[in-house]
């Protein structure tokens, strides 16, 4: 009987939604003063002209490349940017559920990467430089969300952030400023501008999530959405790997067989190492769903399926660094959960058995990837890059060569001793940050990461049955990313946004722990009226 009553009650409540949304929209428009409309118009025009003027911000030799885009393309992005604040204004008067929808769109778009790069250069990208100014679905969602936030603050619907809020973000703010300031020392200012724009987008996502995820329900919602995204991408990647597509399909699947005989799958991201980074960090975070707490059983089953399929997908990427970081992260997370008696030994033993079966089934490609010629070549190819990075640090110790300018300075460091070597941007995030932003930027970057780990550890020690496992999962996910950074440059869009998103969730958990709010305080709560 209950199975019939619940859908009927849901339908009865849903009938009232259009009239409620319309009434709220009208009342919202009436509540907005003329000066607030003027602010929205100014922000819209500023955003529109900013995006339309991106080509003129490139260095002279790149202007011709950037201006190859048709006026129609620029007009489209101008219109979209100009409409963003007004769309947010409309959304603010309709439903808070749209806020949740936009955030979910961001979470699903991140591992798919629906974006466009203005002024893209394949040559720059080939040497490991972030080429072109990136505009994505996430960009427009953030424009709407932040304008919506501004409207709420101006109309007194929401309090403005206090000093404590900004103080908790101090390491992140200073690091972003250091990256932006490194343009003063850059050989290619446009490259620094492109990377700063990408980093700023990740920073804005970090701030928004850290401030607006206010309750345990919010944190569980974001975690569940990430879990569904992991399952979705895992099925795609594992499917491509299992079916072994042909050359035409490999372009779509991101299958790479160029360097070895071992097939590697990149999935929607096209690049196996980037896909490995996403899978490793996300799966470590989602493993916390196995911690014993009051959670619905279907979520735990969903986590089991997502991590199982994601593990198979991770195997297909062939990313040794992702394998290692995932293994260390899961072992550390499982140990801490087990030590507190929040995890049954059956779970890690079951996954260990599954991993053993996969190793036996893929024994030859695994041994080739780990101990074959490809492994030796990868290790030897990275050594010269580390040497170049250390020399670059020695010459530009305090301020670096400019963010995203490592490749632009290679000509000053590639001498005859590196003849025949594989020369690219160094595959070590720590050496890369230090060489590009100097000791100042490197110190701030490490401060940002360590302060995030400390916040997560504080929440874990508090022992909340819902908050602690989630915070621990996100904290260990950052540890896994930091381990992977020793052999991978974490400056692509997916890697950057994922690390900053997880850091934002850890910060949100820390704020929830110190300032608990009732579920009614959630900004993502349903707008159904009471019966």
Protein backbone atom coordinates (compact mmCIF):
# COMPACT_ATOMS: atom_id res chain seq x y z
CA UNK A 1 0.00 0.00 0.00
CA UNK A 2 2.86 2.35 0.88
CA UNK A 3 4.41 1.77 -2.57
CA UNK A 4 1.25 3.22 -4.13
CA UNK A 5 0.70 6.08 -1.65
CA UNK A 6 4.18 7.59 -1.97
CA UNK A 7 4.05 8.17 -5.76
CA UNK A 8 0.52 9.58 -5.42
CA UNK A 9 1.60 11.98 -2.66
CA UNK A 10 4.60 13.01 -4.76
CA UNK A 11 2.31 13.67 -7.75
CA UNK A 12 -0.13 15.74 -5.64
CA UNK A 13 2.69 17.91 -4.34
CA UNK A 14 4.27 18.25 -7.78
CA UNK A 15 1.04 19.72 -9.20
CA UNK A 16 1.57 22.88 -7.19
CA UNK A 17 5.15 23.46 -8.34
CA UNK A 18 4.47 25.57 -11.50
CA UNK A 19 2.28 28.05 -9.63
CA UNK A 20 4.72 28.22 -6.71
CA UNK A 21 7.68 28.81 -9.03
CA UNK A 22 5.78 31.48 -10.96
CA UNK A 23 4.80 33.29 -7.76
CA UNK A 24 8.36 33.21 -6.47
CA UNK A 25 9.68 34.46 -9.78
CA UNK A 26 7.31 37.45 -9.77
CA UNK A 27 8.01 38.27 -6.12
CA UNK A 28 11.74 37.97 -6.77
CA UNK A 29 11.56 40.45 -9.64
CA UNK A 30 9.58 42.90 -7.49
CA UNK A 31 12.12 42.63 -4.69
CA UNK A 32 15.02 43.64 -6.92
CA UNK A 33 15.79 47.32 -6.88
CA UNK A 34 16.82 49.37 -9.90
CA UNK A 35 20.43 49.60 -8.71
CA UNK A 36 20.56 45.79 -8.49
CA UNK A 37 19.41 45.54 -12.10
CA UNK A 38 22.17 48.00 -12.98
CA UNK A 39 24.74 45.80 -11.23
CA UNK A 40 23.54 42.76 -13.19
CA UNK A 41 23.73 44.67 -16.46
CA UNK A 42 27.24 45.85 -15.67
CA UNK A 43 28.41 42.32 -14.77
CA UNK A 44 26.84 40.93 -17.94
CA UNK A 45 28.52 43.47 -20.21
CA UNK A 46 31.82 43.03 -18.40
CA UNK A 47 31.74 39.25 -18.84
CA UNK A 48 30.68 39.51 -22.45
CA UNK A 49 33.39 41.98 -23.43
CA UNK A 50 35.96 40.04 -21.40
CA UNK A 51 35.35 36.83 -23.33
CA UNK A 52 35.07 38.67 -26.64
CA UNK A 53 38.40 40.40 -25.94
CA UNK A 54 40.33 37.23 -25.10
CA UNK A 55 42.16 37.14 -28.48
CA UNK A 56 43.58 40.63 -27.96
CA UNK A 57 45.11 39.47 -24.68
CA UNK A 58 47.44 37.04 -26.49
CA UNK A 59 50.99 38.02 -27.39
CA UNK A 60 51.30 39.57 -30.88
CA UNK A 61 52.41 36.44 -32.73
CA UNK A 62 49.39 34.56 -31.45
CA UNK A 63 46.77 37.18 -32.32
CA UNK A 64 46.50 35.91 -35.87
CA UNK A 65 45.81 32.38 -34.64
CA UNK A 66 43.20 33.56 -32.17
CA UNK A 67 41.45 35.81 -34.68
CA UNK A 68 40.94 32.92 -37.11
CA UNK A 69 37.63 32.25 -35.34
CA UNK A 70 34.63 33.63 -37.13
CA UNK A 71 32.69 36.62 -35.74
CA UNK A 72 29.77 34.27 -35.30
CA UNK A 73 31.76 32.22 -32.78
CA UNK A 74 32.72 35.27 -30.76
CA UNK A 75 29.16 36.58 -30.88
CA UNK A 76 27.86 33.29 -29.52
CA UNK A 77 30.16 33.35 -26.50
CA UNK A 78 29.48 37.05 -25.95
CA UNK A 79 25.74 36.39 -25.84
CA UNK A 80 26.11 33.38 -23.52
CA UNK A 81 28.33 35.32 -21.13
CA UNK A 82 26.00 38.32 -21.15
CA UNK A 83 22.97 36.12 -20.50
CA UNK A 84 24.60 34.31 -17.58
CA UNK A 85 23.77 36.82 -14.82
CA UNK A 86 20.20 37.28 -16.06
CA UNK A 87 19.68 33.52 -16.20
CA UNK A 88 20.89 33.43 -12.61
CA UNK A 89 18.46 36.22 -11.72
CA UNK A 90 15.58 34.22 -13.17
CA UNK A 91 16.78 31.04 -11.47
CA UNK A 92 16.96 32.80 -8.11
CA UNK A 93 13.27 33.57 -8.33
CA UNK A 94 12.18 30.11 -9.41
CA UNK A 95 13.71 27.37 -7.33
CA UNK A 96 16.69 26.49 -5.20
CA UNK A 97 16.64 23.09 -6.87
CA UNK A 98 18.26 24.75 -9.89
CA UNK A 99 21.28 25.49 -7.71
CA UNK A 100 21.57 21.79 -7.07
CA UNK A 101 21.07 21.03 -10.76
CA UNK A 102 23.89 23.36 -11.86
CA UNK A 103 26.29 21.84 -9.35
CA UNK A 104 25.36 18.34 -10.54
CA UNK A 105 26.00 19.43 -14.14
CA UNK A 106 29.49 20.57 -13.11
CA UNK A 107 30.22 17.26 -11.39
CA UNK A 108 29.14 15.25 -14.44
CA UNK A 109 30.87 17.55 -16.95
CA UNK A 110 34.28 17.44 -15.27
CA UNK A 111 35.31 13.92 -16.39
CA UNK A 112 33.76 14.43 -19.83
CA UNK A 113 35.29 17.85 -20.61
CA UNK A 114 32.81 19.74 -22.80
CA UNK A 115 34.93 22.81 -23.46
CA UNK A 116 36.53 25.01 -26.09
CA UNK A 117 40.03 26.52 -26.11
CA UNK A 118 40.55 29.90 -27.68
CA UNK A 119 43.98 30.34 -29.27
CA UNK A 120 44.81 26.63 -29.00
CA UNK A 121 48.22 25.56 -30.34
CA UNK A 122 48.89 21.87 -30.90
CA UNK A 123 52.64 22.50 -30.75
CA UNK A 124 52.38 24.04 -27.28
CA UNK A 125 50.16 21.21 -26.06
CA UNK A 126 52.60 18.64 -27.41
CA UNK A 127 55.31 19.99 -25.11
CA UNK A 128 53.03 19.88 -22.07
CA UNK A 129 51.90 23.51 -21.98
CA UNK A 130 48.27 24.30 -21.20
CA UNK A 131 47.41 25.87 -24.54
CA UNK A 132 44.47 28.18 -25.16
CA UNK A 133 41.99 29.89 -22.88
CA UNK A 134 39.47 27.26 -21.75
CA UNK A 135 35.74 28.01 -21.69
CA UNK A 136 33.51 25.10 -20.67
CA UNK A 137 30.07 24.14 -19.45
CA UNK A 138 31.51 24.46 -15.95
CA UNK A 139 32.51 28.06 -16.74
CA UNK A 140 28.94 29.08 -17.55
CA UNK A 141 27.51 27.16 -14.60
CA UNK A 142 29.91 28.98 -12.26
CA UNK A 143 28.97 32.35 -13.79
CA UNK A 144 25.30 31.65 -13.06
CA UNK A 145 25.96 30.29 -9.56
CA UNK A 146 28.16 33.20 -8.51
CA UNK A 147 25.79 35.78 -9.93
CA UNK A 148 22.98 34.02 -8.10
CA UNK A 149 25.08 34.20 -4.92
CA UNK A 150 25.65 37.92 -5.48
CA UNK A 151 21.91 38.47 -5.94
CA UNK A 152 21.16 36.65 -2.68
CA UNK A 153 23.70 38.76 -0.79
CA UNK A 154 22.48 42.05 -2.28
CA UNK A 155 18.82 41.23 -1.61
CA UNK A 156 19.62 40.11 1.97
CA UNK A 157 18.42 36.55 1.32
CA UNK A 158 21.85 35.27 2.36
CA UNK A 159 24.52 36.65 4.66
CA UNK A 160 27.80 37.75 3.14
CA UNK A 161 30.85 35.60 4.02
CA UNK A 162 32.58 36.73 7.20
CA UNK A 163 36.28 37.10 7.97
CA UNK A 164 36.52 33.56 9.33
CA UNK A 165 35.39 32.26 5.96
CA UNK A 166 38.13 34.12 4.09
CA UNK A 167 40.73 33.21 6.70
CA UNK A 168 40.09 29.50 6.11
CA UNK A 169 40.82 30.03 2.41
CA UNK A 170 43.97 32.09 2.91
CA UNK A 171 46.48 29.51 1.55
CA UNK A 172 44.39 28.96 -1.58
CA UNK A 173 43.90 32.69 -2.18
CA UNK A 174 47.61 33.45 -1.78
CA UNK A 175 48.60 30.60 -4.09
CA UNK A 176 46.27 31.81 -6.85
CA UNK A 177 47.68 35.33 -6.45
CA UNK A 178 51.23 33.96 -6.66
CA UNK A 179 50.40 32.13 -9.88
CA UNK A 180 48.78 35.24 -11.36
CA UNK A 181 51.73 37.39 -10.27
CA UNK A 182 54.23 35.06 -11.95
CA UNK A 183 53.17 36.61 -15.26
CA UNK A 184 55.71 39.35 -14.46
CA UNK A 185 58.53 36.83 -14.95
CA UNK A 186 57.03 34.89 -17.86
CA UNK A 187 58.59 34.61 -21.31
CA UNK A 188 55.11 33.84 -22.67
CA UNK A 189 52.56 35.95 -20.73
CA UNK A 190 49.70 34.40 -22.71
CA UNK A 191 50.60 30.93 -21.41
CA UNK A 192 50.47 32.22 -17.83
CA UNK A 193 47.17 33.95 -18.57
CA UNK A 194 45.67 30.70 -19.92
CA UNK A 195 46.76 28.67 -16.90
CA UNK A 196 45.64 31.37 -14.45
CA UNK A 197 42.18 31.31 -16.01
CA UNK A 198 41.97 27.54 -15.59
CA UNK A 199 43.24 27.71 -12.01
CA UNK A 200 40.84 30.54 -11.18
CA UNK A 201 37.91 28.42 -12.38
CA UNK A 202 39.02 25.56 -10.11
CA UNK A 203 39.45 28.01 -7.23
CA UNK A 204 35.94 29.41 -7.72
CA UNK A 205 34.55 25.86 -7.67
CA UNK A 206 36.51 25.21 -4.47
CA UNK A 207 35.12 28.32 -2.76
CA UNK A 208 31.54 27.73 -3.88
CA UNK A 209 31.48 24.12 -2.70
CA UNK A 210 33.22 24.91 0.59
CA UNK A 211 30.72 27.67 1.41
CA UNK A 212 27.44 26.26 0.11
CA UNK A 213 27.79 22.64 1.23
CA UNK A 214 26.48 23.37 4.74
CA UNK A 215 24.95 20.16 6.07
CA UNK A 216 25.71 16.47 6.21
CA UNK A 217 22.90 15.91 3.71
CA UNK A 218 24.62 18.25 1.26
CA UNK A 219 27.90 16.39 1.61
CA UNK A 220 26.19 13.04 1.11
CA UNK A 221 24.40 14.38 -1.97
CA UNK A 222 27.64 15.58 -3.61
CA UNK A 223 29.35 12.29 -2.75
CA UNK A 224 26.51 10.25 -4.26
CA UNK A 225 26.58 12.30 -7.47
CA UNK A 226 30.35 11.73 -7.74
CA UNK A 227 29.72 8.03 -7.15
CA UNK A 228 27.20 7.88 -10.01
CA UNK A 229 29.63 9.75 -12.26
CA UNK A 230 32.36 7.25 -11.38
CA UNK A 231 30.09 4.33 -12.26
CA UNK A 232 29.06 5.96 -15.55
CA UNK A 233 32.62 6.68 -16.66
CA UNK A 234 33.88 3.33 -15.41
CA UNK A 235 31.34 1.49 -17.58
CA UNK A 236 32.38 3.52 -20.65
CA UNK A 237 36.12 3.02 -20.13
CA UNK A 238 35.88 -0.66 -19.20
CA UNK A 239 33.53 -1.23 -22.15
CA UNK A 240 35.98 0.30 -24.62
CA UNK A 241 38.82 -1.72 -23.14
CA UNK A 242 36.92 -5.00 -23.16
CA UNK A 243 35.59 -4.67 -26.71
CA UNK A 244 38.92 -3.57 -28.25
CA UNK A 245 37.61 -1.11 -30.84
CA UNK A 246 39.20 -0.43 -34.22
CA UNK A 247 41.21 2.61 -35.28
CA UNK A 248 38.17 4.82 -35.96
CA UNK A 249 36.62 4.01 -32.61
CA UNK A 250 39.97 4.31 -30.85
CA UNK A 251 39.95 8.01 -31.61
CA UNK A 252 36.71 8.30 -29.66
CA UNK A 253 37.71 5.90 -26.90
CA UNK A 254 41.14 7.38 -26.41
CA UNK A 255 42.84 4.03 -27.02
CA UNK A 256 46.63 4.37 -27.12
CA UNK A 257 48.86 1.68 -28.57
CA UNK A 258 51.56 3.94 -29.94
CA UNK A 259 54.32 3.35 -27.42
CA UNK A 260 53.89 -0.32 -26.51
CA UNK A 261 51.95 -3.40 -27.49
CA UNK A 262 49.76 -2.93 -24.42
CA UNK A 263 46.41 -1.33 -25.19
CA UNK A 264 45.63 1.68 -23.00
CA UNK A 265 42.21 3.30 -22.83
CA UNK A 266 41.59 6.97 -22.09
CA UNK A 267 37.80 7.04 -22.36
CA UNK A 268 36.07 10.43 -22.69
CA UNK A 269 39.24 12.26 -21.59
CA UNK A 270 41.19 10.63 -24.46
CA UNK A 271 44.44 10.54 -22.41
CA UNK A 272 44.99 7.36 -20.31
CA UNK A 273 47.10 9.10 -17.64
CA UNK A 274 44.44 11.77 -17.08
CA UNK A 275 41.74 9.11 -16.87
CA UNK A 276 43.88 7.17 -14.41
CA UNK A 277 44.22 10.28 -12.23
CA UNK A 278 40.46 10.82 -12.19
CA UNK A 279 39.67 7.17 -11.41
CA UNK A 280 42.31 6.78 -8.70
CA UNK A 281 41.39 9.92 -6.75
CA UNK A 282 37.63 9.43 -7.07
CA UNK A 283 37.68 5.73 -6.15
CA UNK A 284 39.77 6.37 -3.04
CA UNK A 285 37.27 9.04 -1.95
CA UNK A 286 34.29 6.79 -2.67
CA UNK A 287 35.76 3.85 -0.72
CA UNK A 288 34.65 5.71 2.42
CA UNK A 289 31.08 4.63 1.61
CA UNK A 290 31.99 1.24 3.12
CA UNK A 291 32.49 2.83 6.53
CA UNK A 292 29.74 1.76 8.90
CA UNK A 293 27.29 4.63 9.31
CA UNK A 294 23.54 5.27 8.96
CA UNK A 295 23.37 5.13 5.17
CA UNK A 296 20.89 3.50 2.84
CA UNK A 297 21.93 0.05 1.65
CA UNK A 298 21.46 0.87 -2.04
CA UNK A 299 24.18 3.54 -1.79
CA UNK A 300 26.64 0.99 -0.42
CA UNK A 301 25.75 -1.42 -3.23
CA UNK A 302 26.19 1.40 -5.74
CA UNK A 303 29.63 2.12 -4.26
CA UNK A 304 30.58 -1.54 -4.54
CA UNK A 305 29.58 -1.61 -8.22
CA UNK A 306 31.24 1.73 -9.02
CA UNK A 307 34.56 0.82 -7.38
CA UNK A 308 34.54 -2.67 -8.92
CA UNK A 309 33.92 -1.41 -12.45
CA UNK A 310 36.15 1.61 -11.84
CA UNK A 311 38.97 -0.71 -10.79
CA UNK A 312 38.68 -2.60 -14.07
CA UNK A 313 38.66 0.71 -15.95
CA UNK A 314 41.74 1.85 -14.01
CA UNK A 315 43.48 -1.32 -15.12
CA UNK A 316 42.73 -0.49 -18.77
CA UNK A 317 44.33 2.95 -18.47
CA UNK A 318 47.75 1.38 -17.95
CA UNK A 319 48.74 4.28 -15.68
CA UNK A 320 51.34 2.90 -13.27
CA UNK A 321 51.30 6.05 -11.13
CA UNK A 322 47.51 5.88 -10.80
CA UNK A 323 47.70 2.18 -9.86
CA UNK A 324 50.24 2.87 -7.13
CA UNK A 325 48.50 5.94 -5.69
CA UNK A 326 45.14 4.14 -5.68
CA UNK A 327 46.63 1.09 -3.94
CA UNK A 328 48.33 3.14 -1.23
CA UNK A 329 45.26 5.32 -0.72
CA UNK A 330 42.83 2.42 -0.37
CA UNK A 331 45.13 0.51 2.00
CA UNK A 332 45.56 3.57 4.21
CA UNK A 333 41.84 4.35 4.19
CA UNK A 334 40.85 0.74 4.90
CA UNK A 335 43.35 0.53 7.76
CA UNK A 336 42.04 3.67 9.46
CA UNK A 337 38.41 2.61 9.07
CA UNK A 338 39.18 -0.91 10.33
CA UNK A 339 41.17 0.43 13.28
CA UNK A 340 38.09 2.33 14.43
CA UNK A 341 35.98 -0.80 13.76
CA UNK A 342 33.97 0.98 11.10
CA UNK A 343 34.98 -1.41 8.33
CA UNK A 344 34.54 -5.15 8.18
CA UNK A 345 37.57 -7.10 6.95
CA UNK A 346 35.27 -8.83 4.47
CA UNK A 347 35.27 -5.75 2.21
CA UNK A 348 39.05 -5.35 1.68
CA UNK A 349 39.50 -9.13 1.49
CA UNK A 350 36.83 -9.38 -1.19
CA UNK A 351 38.42 -6.63 -3.25
CA UNK A 352 41.86 -8.19 -2.74
CA UNK A 353 40.50 -11.45 -4.15
CA UNK A 354 38.99 -9.62 -7.14
CA UNK A 355 42.30 -7.80 -7.70
CA UNK A 356 44.15 -11.12 -7.62
CA UNK A 357 41.80 -12.56 -10.23
CA UNK A 358 42.37 -9.53 -12.46
CA UNK A 359 46.14 -9.85 -12.08
CA UNK A 360 45.95 -13.49 -13.14
CA UNK A 361 43.66 -12.68 -16.07
CA UNK A 362 45.84 -9.79 -17.29
CA UNK A 363 49.19 -11.20 -16.22
CA UNK A 364 51.09 -10.65 -19.48
CA UNK A 365 50.05 -7.03 -20.20
CA UNK A 366 50.50 -6.13 -16.53
CA UNK A 367 54.02 -7.53 -16.32
CA UNK A 368 54.90 -5.87 -19.63
CA UNK A 369 53.59 -2.55 -18.38
CA UNK A 370 55.28 -2.80 -14.97
CA UNK A 371 58.56 -4.54 -15.77
CA UNK A 372 58.94 -4.47 -19.55
CA UNK A 373 60.83 -2.13 -21.83
CA UNK A 374 58.08 0.49 -21.58
CA UNK A 375 58.60 0.78 -17.81
CA UNK A 376 62.36 1.23 -18.20
CA UNK A 377 61.85 3.77 -20.99
CA UNK A 378 59.36 5.78 -18.93
CA UNK A 379 61.70 5.92 -15.94
CA UNK A 380 64.73 6.89 -18.03
CA UNK A 381 62.78 9.54 -19.99
CA UNK A 382 61.70 11.36 -16.83
CA UNK A 383 65.20 11.64 -15.35
CA UNK A 384 66.44 14.28 -17.86
CA UNK A 385 63.27 16.31 -17.27
CA UNK A 386 63.94 16.32 -13.52
CA UNK A 387 67.51 17.49 -14.17
CA UNK A 388 66.26 20.33 -16.36
CA UNK A 389 63.70 21.29 -13.70
CA UNK A 390 66.32 21.42 -10.92
CA UNK A 391 68.54 23.65 -13.06
CA UNK A 392 65.59 25.90 -13.80
CA UNK A 393 64.87 26.12 -10.06
CA UNK A 394 68.51 26.95 -9.36
CA UNK A 395 68.43 29.88 -11.80
CA UNK A 396 64.96 31.15 -10.80
CA UNK A 397 64.84 30.06 -7.17
CA UNK A 398 62.48 32.61 -5.60
CA UNK A 399 60.03 33.64 -8.33
CA UNK A 400 60.26 30.98 -11.05
CA UNK A 401 59.99 31.34 -14.82
CA UNK A 402 56.26 32.05 -14.86
CA UNK A 403 53.29 29.71 -14.53
CA UNK A 404 52.80 27.44 -17.55
CA UNK A 405 56.16 28.61 -18.95
CA UNK A 406 58.33 25.54 -18.36
CA UNK A 407 58.25 24.49 -22.02
CA UNK A 408 58.80 28.08 -23.20
CA UNK A 409 62.13 28.12 -21.30
CA UNK A 410 63.38 24.72 -22.47
CA UNK A 411 65.53 26.24 -25.21
CA UNK A 412 67.78 27.76 -22.53
CA UNK A 413 68.35 24.40 -20.82
CA UNK A 414 68.29 21.70 -23.52
CA UNK A 415 71.98 21.27 -24.33
CA UNK A 416 73.88 18.63 -26.29
CA UNK A 417 73.83 16.25 -23.32
CA UNK A 418 70.08 15.78 -23.85
CA UNK A 419 70.38 14.84 -27.53
CA UNK A 420 67.88 12.11 -28.38
CA UNK A 421 66.02 12.45 -25.08
CA UNK A 422 62.25 12.85 -24.71
CA UNK A 423 61.90 16.56 -23.90
CA UNK A 424 58.63 17.81 -22.47
CA UNK A 425 57.33 19.62 -19.40
CA UNK A 426 58.64 17.87 -16.28
CA UNK A 427 56.42 15.04 -15.02
CA UNK A 428 56.61 16.01 -11.36
CA UNK A 429 54.07 18.45 -9.99
CA UNK A 430 56.29 19.66 -7.16
CA UNK A 431 59.27 20.41 -9.41
CA UNK A 432 56.91 22.00 -11.92
CA UNK A 433 55.30 24.35 -9.38
CA UNK A 434 58.67 25.36 -7.93
CA UNK A 435 60.31 25.95 -11.31
CA UNK A 436 57.36 28.03 -12.58
CA UNK A 437 56.30 30.00 -9.48
CA UNK A 438 59.48 29.86 -7.41
CA UNK A 439 59.90 29.15 -3.73
CA UNK A 440 57.03 31.51 -2.90
CA UNK A 441 54.47 29.72 -5.06
CA UNK A 442 55.75 26.27 -4.08
CA UNK A 443 55.50 27.06 -0.36
CA UNK A 444 51.95 28.36 -0.75
CA UNK A 445 50.96 25.29 -2.79
CA UNK A 446 52.29 22.91 -0.12
CA UNK A 447 50.61 25.03 2.57
CA UNK A 448 47.29 24.73 0.74
CA UNK A 449 47.58 20.94 0.45
CA UNK A 450 48.78 20.33 4.02
CA UNK A 451 46.19 22.68 5.55
CA UNK A 452 43.49 20.76 3.70
CA UNK A 453 44.83 17.45 5.04
CA UNK A 454 44.86 18.87 8.57
CA UNK A 455 41.23 19.99 8.30
CA UNK A 456 40.17 16.54 7.11
CA UNK A 457 42.13 14.84 9.87
CA UNK A 458 40.45 17.03 12.52
CA UNK A 459 37.01 15.99 11.25
CA UNK A 460 38.04 12.33 11.26
CA UNK A 461 39.30 12.51 14.84
CA UNK A 462 35.96 14.01 15.96
CA UNK A 463 34.34 10.65 15.19
CA UNK A 464 30.98 11.69 13.70
CA UNK A 465 29.45 8.55 12.16
CA UNK A 466 28.36 10.33 8.96
CA UNK A 467 30.85 13.17 8.60
CA UNK A 468 34.07 11.42 9.66
CA UNK A 469 34.17 8.63 7.02
CA UNK A 470 33.35 11.04 4.19
CA UNK A 471 35.96 13.56 5.35
CA UNK A 472 38.55 10.81 5.71
CA UNK A 473 37.80 9.53 2.20
CA UNK A 474 38.28 12.95 0.63
CA UNK A 475 41.41 13.57 2.73
CA UNK A 476 43.06 10.30 1.70
CA UNK A 477 42.04 11.04 -1.90
CA UNK A 478 44.22 14.17 -1.73
CA UNK A 479 47.02 12.04 -0.24
CA UNK A 480 46.69 9.69 -3.23
CA UNK A 481 46.85 12.67 -5.61
CA UNK A 482 49.95 13.99 -3.82
CA UNK A 483 51.63 10.60 -4.24
CA UNK A 484 50.74 10.56 -7.94
CA UNK A 485 52.16 14.10 -8.29
CA UNK A 486 55.68 12.74 -7.78
CA UNK A 487 55.52 11.19 -11.24
CA UNK A 488 52.81 13.21 -12.99
CA UNK A 489 52.20 16.88 -13.72
CA UNK A 490 48.83 17.70 -12.19
CA UNK A 491 47.97 20.76 -14.27
CA UNK A 492 45.40 19.53 -16.77
CA UNK A 493 41.82 20.69 -16.33
CA UNK A 494 40.43 17.43 -14.91
CA UNK A 495 43.32 16.98 -12.47
CA UNK A 496 43.26 20.58 -11.27
CA UNK A 497 39.48 20.81 -10.85
CA UNK A 498 39.27 17.41 -9.17
CA UNK A 499 41.91 18.22 -6.54
CA UNK A 500 40.34 21.61 -5.80
CA UNK A 501 36.83 20.12 -5.68
CA UNK A 502 37.92 17.48 -3.17
CA UNK A 503 39.73 20.16 -1.15
CA UNK A 504 36.51 22.18 -1.15
CA UNK A 505 34.56 19.19 0.17
CA UNK A 506 37.12 18.66 2.94
CA UNK A 507 36.83 22.35 3.87
CA UNK A 508 33.03 22.08 3.82
CA UNK A 509 33.17 19.05 6.15
CA UNK A 510 35.43 21.04 8.48
CA UNK A 511 32.97 23.97 8.54
CA UNK A 512 30.04 21.60 9.15
CA UNK A 513 31.95 20.02 12.05
CA UNK A 514 32.68 23.36 13.73
CA UNK A 515 29.35 24.98 12.86
CA UNK A 516 26.70 22.25 12.48
CA UNK A 517 23.51 23.29 10.73
CA UNK A 518 20.09 21.59 10.62
CA UNK A 519 19.08 19.91 7.38
CA UNK A 520 16.68 22.79 6.75
CA UNK A 521 19.70 25.10 6.30
CA UNK A 522 20.71 23.26 3.15
CA UNK A 523 20.70 25.43 0.03
CA UNK A 524 19.97 22.32 -2.03
CA UNK A 525 16.85 21.22 -0.19
CA UNK A 526 13.69 20.33 -2.08
CA UNK A 527 11.15 23.06 -2.74
CA UNK A 528 8.07 20.85 -2.38
CA UNK A 529 5.49 22.50 -0.16
CA UNK A 530 4.32 20.63 2.92
CA UNK A 531 1.22 18.54 2.52
